[in-house]
Amino acid sequence: MARGMTLEERSFVNLVNFFKPELMRVMEGEPVEDVIPQKSTRRTLRNHGVLVKRKVLVTEEAKKVLKDE
């Protein structure tokens, strides 16, 4: 684990990296329902701050992680 990173922060980074191909497609404008068809997965991503609630967009924090990798 990187220094200065909490377990929660590291878990967020890992989650974003795991779904990186899907999140990149969503950022390019594809409907999230087509990219991530499982509702439970979309809910998990929203609950962990990767997707914006009520709007299916990638959060700014997740975008930063995607650009850093």
N, C-alpha and C. Protein backbone atom coordinates (compact mmCIF):
# COMPACT_ATOMS: atom_id res chain seq x y z
N MET A 1 0.85 -1.18 0.00
CA MET A 1 0.00 0.00 0.00
C MET A 1 0.90 1.24 0.00
N ALA A 2 0.50 2.22 -0.76
CA ALA A 2 1.27 3.47 -0.85
C ALA A 2 1.21 4.20 0.49
N ARG A 3 2.29 4.88 0.81
CA ARG A 3 2.33 5.65 2.05
C ARG A 3 1.33 6.78 2.01
N GLY A 4 0.72 7.03 3.16
CA GLY A 4 -0.21 8.12 3.28
C GLY A 4 -1.59 7.82 2.71
N MET A 5 -1.81 6.60 2.29
CA MET A 5 -3.09 6.23 1.72
C MET A 5 -3.82 5.33 2.71
N THR A 6 -5.06 5.71 3.02
CA THR A 6 -5.84 4.88 3.94
C THR A 6 -6.35 3.64 3.21
N LEU A 7 -6.84 2.69 3.98
CA LEU A 7 -7.40 1.49 3.39
C LEU A 7 -8.58 1.84 2.49
N GLU A 8 -9.40 2.78 2.92
CA GLU A 8 -10.55 3.21 2.12
C GLU A 8 -10.11 3.82 0.79
N GLU A 9 -9.09 4.66 0.83
CA GLU A 9 -8.58 5.28 -0.40
C GLU A 9 -8.00 4.23 -1.34
N ARG A 10 -7.25 3.30 -0.77
CA ARG A 10 -6.63 2.24 -1.60
C ARG A 10 -7.70 1.35 -2.21
N SER A 11 -8.74 1.06 -1.44
CA SER A 11 -9.84 0.24 -1.96
C SER A 11 -10.55 0.95 -3.11
N PHE A 12 -10.72 2.26 -2.99
CA PHE A 12 -11.34 3.06 -4.06
C PHE A 12 -10.49 2.97 -5.32
N VAL A 13 -9.20 3.16 -5.19
CA VAL A 13 -8.29 3.10 -6.33
C VAL A 13 -8.36 1.72 -6.98
N ASN A 14 -8.36 0.67 -6.17
CA ASN A 14 -8.44 -0.69 -6.71
C ASN A 14 -9.75 -0.91 -7.46
N LEU A 15 -10.86 -0.42 -6.91
CA LEU A 15 -12.17 -0.57 -7.55
C LEU A 15 -12.19 0.14 -8.90
N VAL A 16 -11.68 1.36 -8.94
CA VAL A 16 -11.64 2.12 -10.18
C VAL A 16 -10.76 1.41 -11.21
N ASN A 17 -9.61 0.93 -10.78
CA ASN A 17 -8.71 0.24 -11.70
C ASN A 17 -9.31 -1.06 -12.22
N PHE A 18 -10.05 -1.77 -11.39
CA PHE A 18 -10.68 -3.02 -11.80
C PHE A 18 -11.70 -2.77 -12.91
N PHE A 19 -12.44 -1.67 -12.80
CA PHE A 19 -13.48 -1.34 -13.78
C PHE A 19 -13.00 -0.29 -14.80
N LYS A 20 -11.71 -0.10 -14.92
CA LYS A 20 -11.17 0.93 -15.80
C LYS A 20 -11.70 0.86 -17.23
N PRO A 21 -11.69 -0.29 -17.91
CA PRO A 21 -12.20 -0.31 -19.29
C PRO A 21 -13.66 0.14 -19.39
N GLU A 22 -14.48 -0.31 -18.45
CA GLU A 22 -15.89 0.06 -18.46
C GLU A 22 -16.08 1.55 -18.18
N LEU A 23 -15.33 2.06 -17.20
CA LEU A 23 -15.44 3.47 -16.84
C LEU A 23 -14.97 4.38 -17.97
N MET A 24 -13.95 3.96 -18.69
CA MET A 24 -13.47 4.74 -19.82
C MET A 24 -14.56 4.80 -20.90
N ARG A 25 -15.25 3.70 -21.13
CA ARG A 25 -16.34 3.69 -22.12
C ARG A 25 -17.48 4.62 -21.69
N VAL A 26 -17.79 4.63 -20.39
CA VAL A 26 -18.84 5.52 -19.88
C VAL A 26 -18.41 6.97 -20.07
N MET A 27 -17.16 7.27 -19.79
CA MET A 27 -16.66 8.64 -19.96
C MET A 27 -16.70 9.07 -21.43
N GLU A 28 -16.59 8.12 -22.35
CA GLU A 28 -16.65 8.43 -23.78
C GLU A 28 -18.08 8.61 -24.27
N GLY A 29 -19.06 8.37 -23.38
CA GLY A 29 -20.43 8.66 -23.74
C GLY A 29 -21.35 7.46 -23.91
N GLU A 30 -20.83 6.25 -23.75
CA GLU A 30 -21.70 5.07 -23.87
C GLU A 30 -22.63 5.00 -22.66
N PRO A 31 -23.86 4.58 -22.86
CA PRO A 31 -24.78 4.44 -21.71
C PRO A 31 -24.27 3.40 -20.72
N VAL A 32 -24.26 3.76 -19.46
CA VAL A 32 -23.72 2.87 -18.44
C VAL A 32 -24.49 1.55 -18.38
N GLU A 33 -25.78 1.58 -18.71
CA GLU A 33 -26.57 0.34 -18.69
C GLU A 33 -26.08 -0.64 -19.73
N ASP A 34 -25.52 -0.14 -20.83
CA ASP A 34 -24.96 -1.01 -21.86
C ASP A 34 -23.57 -1.51 -21.49
N VAL A 35 -22.81 -0.65 -20.83
CA VAL A 35 -21.44 -0.99 -20.47
C VAL A 35 -21.40 -1.89 -19.24
N ILE A 36 -22.22 -1.58 -18.23
CA ILE A 36 -22.30 -2.36 -17.00
C ILE A 36 -23.75 -2.77 -16.82
N PRO A 37 -24.15 -3.90 -17.41
CA PRO A 37 -25.57 -4.27 -17.39
C PRO A 37 -26.09 -4.71 -16.02
N GLN A 38 -25.22 -5.16 -15.14
CA GLN A 38 -25.68 -5.64 -13.83
C GLN A 38 -25.99 -4.47 -12.91
N LYS A 39 -27.25 -4.40 -12.51
CA LYS A 39 -27.70 -3.30 -11.64
C LYS A 39 -26.96 -3.31 -10.31
N SER A 40 -26.67 -4.48 -9.78
CA SER A 40 -25.98 -4.57 -8.49
C SER A 40 -24.56 -4.00 -8.59
N THR A 41 -23.92 -4.20 -9.72
CA THR A 41 -22.57 -3.65 -9.91
C THR A 41 -22.62 -2.13 -10.01
N ARG A 42 -23.61 -1.61 -10.76
CA ARG A 42 -23.76 -0.15 -10.85
C ARG A 42 -24.05 0.44 -9.47
N ARG A 43 -24.88 -0.23 -8.69
CA ARG A 43 -25.21 0.25 -7.34
C ARG A 43 -23.95 0.27 -6.47
N THR A 44 -23.14 -0.77 -6.55
CA THR A 44 -21.90 -0.84 -5.78
C THR A 44 -20.98 0.31 -6.16
N LEU A 45 -20.85 0.58 -7.45
CA LEU A 45 -20.00 1.68 -7.90
C LEU A 45 -20.53 3.03 -7.43
N ARG A 46 -21.85 3.19 -7.42
CA ARG A 46 -22.43 4.44 -6.89
C ARG A 46 -22.19 4.55 -5.39
N ASN A 47 -22.41 3.47 -4.66
CA ASN A 47 -22.24 3.50 -3.20
C ASN A 47 -20.81 3.80 -2.78
N HIS A 48 -19.85 3.44 -3.61
CA HIS A 48 -18.44 3.68 -3.28
C HIS A 48 -17.89 4.95 -3.92
N GLY A 49 -18.78 5.76 -4.51
CA GLY A 49 -18.36 7.06 -5.03
C GLY A 49 -17.66 7.03 -6.36
N VAL A 50 -17.81 5.95 -7.13
CA VAL A 50 -17.19 5.88 -8.45
C VAL A 50 -18.13 6.47 -9.50
N LEU A 51 -19.41 6.21 -9.37
CA LEU A 51 -20.42 6.79 -10.25
C LEU A 51 -21.26 7.78 -9.45
N VAL A 52 -21.76 8.80 -10.13
CA VAL A 52 -22.60 9.81 -9.49
C VAL A 52 -24.00 9.22 -9.32
N LYS A 53 -24.56 9.41 -8.15
CA LYS A 53 -25.92 8.93 -7.90
C LYS A 53 -26.92 9.71 -8.73
N ARG A 54 -27.94 9.00 -9.18
CA ARG A 54 -29.05 9.54 -9.97
C ARG A 54 -28.64 9.93 -11.38
N LYS A 55 -27.39 10.23 -11.60
CA LYS A 55 -26.86 10.45 -12.95
C LYS A 55 -25.81 9.37 -13.12
N VAL A 56 -25.72 8.85 -14.26
CA VAL A 56 -24.75 7.78 -14.44
C VAL A 56 -23.51 8.36 -15.11
N LEU A 57 -22.72 9.02 -14.28
CA LEU A 57 -21.48 9.63 -14.72
C LEU A 57 -20.35 9.21 -13.80
N VAL A 58 -19.15 9.24 -14.30
CA VAL A 58 -17.98 8.92 -13.50
C VAL A 58 -17.65 10.15 -12.65
N THR A 59 -17.39 9.94 -11.35
CA THR A 59 -17.09 11.06 -10.46
C THR A 59 -15.73 11.67 -10.79
N GLU A 60 -15.53 12.90 -10.36
CA GLU A 60 -14.25 13.58 -10.58
C GLU A 60 -13.11 12.82 -9.91
N GLU A 61 -13.36 12.29 -8.71
CA GLU A 61 -12.32 11.55 -7.99
C GLU A 61 -11.90 10.31 -8.78
N ALA A 62 -12.88 9.60 -9.35
CA ALA A 62 -12.57 8.42 -10.15
C ALA A 62 -11.81 8.80 -11.43
N LYS A 63 -12.18 9.95 -12.02
CA LYS A 63 -11.48 10.41 -13.22
C LYS A 63 -10.01 10.69 -12.92
N LYS A 64 -9.73 11.25 -11.74
CA LYS A 64 -8.35 11.53 -11.36
C LYS A 64 -7.56 10.24 -11.28
N VAL A 65 -8.15 9.20 -10.68
CA VAL A 65 -7.46 7.91 -10.56
C VAL A 65 -7.21 7.32 -11.94
N LEU A 66 -8.19 7.40 -12.83
CA LEU A 66 -8.03 6.86 -14.16
C LEU A 66 -6.92 7.58 -14.93
N LYS A 67 -6.80 8.88 -14.75
CA LYS A 67 -5.76 9.63 -15.46
C LYS A 67 -4.37 9.35 -14.89
N ASP A 68 -4.28 9.05 -13.57
CA ASP A 68 -2.99 8.81 -12.94
C ASP A 68 -2.42 7.45 -13.30
N GLU A 69 -3.25 6.51 -13.69
CA GLU A 69 -2.78 5.14 -13.98
C GLU A 69 -2.25 5.03 -15.37
